[in-house]
Amino acid sequence: MSQPNQMLHARVYTTPTHHRHRLERRCHWAQPQSPCHHPIIFYKLPRSLLLTQTRNTTAPQRNVVVSTHCSISSSAPHSHRRLKMFHPYILGAFFASVLGFLLYALRDKERKDNRPRHHRADGLVTSSSEIGQCRQDDGFGTDIIIVGAGVAGSALAHTLGKDGRRVHIIERDLTEPDRIVGELLQPGGYLKLIELGLEDCVEEIDAQRVLGYALFKDGKNTRLSYPLEKFHSDVAGRSFHNGRFIQRMREKAASLSNVRMEQGTVTSLLEENGTIKGVQYKTKAGQELKAYAPLTIVCDGCFSNLRRSLCNPKVDVPSCFVGLVLENCQLPFANHGHVILADPSPILFYPISSTEVRCLVDVPGQKLPSIANGEMANHLKTRVAPQLPPQLYDAFISAIDQGKIRTMPNRSMPADPYPTPGALLMGDAFNMRHPLTGGGMTVALSDIVVLRDLLKPLSNLNDAVSLSKYLESFYTLRKPVASTINTLAGALYKVFCASTDQARKEMREACFDYLSIGGVCSAGPVALLSGLNPRPLSLVVHFFAVAIYGVGRLLLPFPSLKRLWIGARLISAASSIIFPIIKAEGVRQMFFPVTMPAYYRAPPAK
């Protein structure tokens, strides 16, 4: 009996002629599993066929079946010659299979490396496999994701929703916030609120009208009124409970059918090839989800964990606020904010409801007396209370005795963004200034107006690179207003703080006297502070006018070498206060924005 010939996958069987058609009917193709595999034919040989193979050993005519090609040969000698021909083809197929496997492995590795990455809160980038199981949300129903539903996030969601955008806003905690800052909206901010159609958010929350400021220093006082003569009678500052105001804004945003508000903690930004595609967040129930949109706007506040990948966060903490609420207290000047130039730093009073007055005591540095062991109460009673106006003393002591003392670090951070396709920073996550002047909400609302106007002509946000290039103009267009308020807040805080340096003492005294003159000397600075006239050049002119006024006070009636020296140091001190702040804000962007290429960016072509 002839033995079957074997060569790799090729097997030669001898079959009688009458079994040929039965065999052909039972053979079938095995489809390749990948482009680098070749088809193989398998046979189901009947038991009778195998018996025939052994019994018909003397048959002169045999049919040969080769399993790799399912071909039928007329004789055995021909089959041997064909097998010899197959040697190079089988060897080539083997090497092609190995090469195909290697290429497939490399391609699979590259596909894994290109998975969407996640910017974690600690600034690291991880692959999606490290995060755990997440439900995928393709984001086809979302145009913009907003992280944070504070003042900036809620106002932005409502504004973009009104323009027809489909907005998904994710907030860590949707309950009413309880904060000691963000309670004073300047008249300039109220005008922006009107422009955005959100002015009714200050209604029904017992908000108080604010008409100006009162300054107190060493037993003297002066009143500074907002220059509101050219505006409607309703235009003024507003002070309120921050939480009530935010809840009204959230309700306003959520009332739009195309705005989806959800409670969840955003843990990372989803990045793919340098473009932000969306966010990963954890729901209130603890479920890990992903959300996708062409544009993600991060405005999750001063404690933002996401800003690190979108800007250069140079956060400075010059001081802390110690907050109290004085009940049933009458301020010396009704409907005015009160600033006491105390030692070592200012103290603020302003109404937040018809029966409550907020007190904020500034404590320089980051180390505070302990509240738990009574050091803070003792500090407030012995160091702070004696410097207050008599009308506020009893209510202040009573508030301390109630024990409801709160603290808050005062953060300052100039805007220094990394333009990133698919993402944008706004609000305190992007830019902060000392809260002494209450300008934070004014800057945020002004930024929203700028962004709204930039996005309005765009119907498609899907070209992330072109959109990012276009939105670079946002950072330039916002500068004049934002940098003026930021610079004023930083400079005024340094001037109002007490100092042992004689030149700084003279600067502080000169500032109080300059504002007390009235007319343009008070209206100009107050217009800057209120956001009604936020012009950088006007700020610099008034700041150095104060310094020159201080030098004039020193030299009159009779100059001396000592006074000349103090005057020179006063000018130097003024320069050392304001110029570093201007440098951080950007001289060219602040004073000459029209020279910036981004100022003239046109919307991407549709």
Foldseek 3Di string as FASTA:
>chain_A
DDDWDDDPQWTKAWFDPVCLVVFVVFKDWDDDPDPLADIWIDTDDDPVRVVRRPPPPPDPWTWIAIRRPRDTDTDDVVVVVVVVVCVVVVVVSVVSSVVVVVVVVVVVVVVQVQAWWWQFLVRDIDHPVVVDDADADPQPLAAEEEEAQALLRLLLLLQVVVLVGQYEYEHQDLAQDFDQAPFKAFLLLCVLCVVSVNNCLLPPQQKFFAFFEWEAEPRDIFTFGAPCPVDDPVRGMIGAGRRSSSNSSNVSSVVRPSYHYFYWAFGTFTGGPQATFWTWTAHPVGHIYTHGHQAYEYAHAQVDSYLVVWFPWPKDFFWKKKKWKQFQADDPDPSHKYWYLFPQFIWIWDDHHPTIIMIIDIDTDDDDPDLVVCRNLVCCLPRPLVRDDPSCNVSSNVRVVVSPIDMGTFMFTAAGTDLTFRYHYAASSGGHAGCPLVCRSSLSSLLSVLVSVQCSVDPDSNPRVLVSLLCVLSLLVSQQLVLLLRLCRQLVRQLSGDDPDPLSVLLVVLLNVQCNVDDCSVNLVSCCSSSVDRGNVSSVVSLVVSLVSSLVVLPPPHRDPVSVVSSVVNNVVSCVRRVVSCVSNPVCSHHPSVPDPSNPRDRDDD
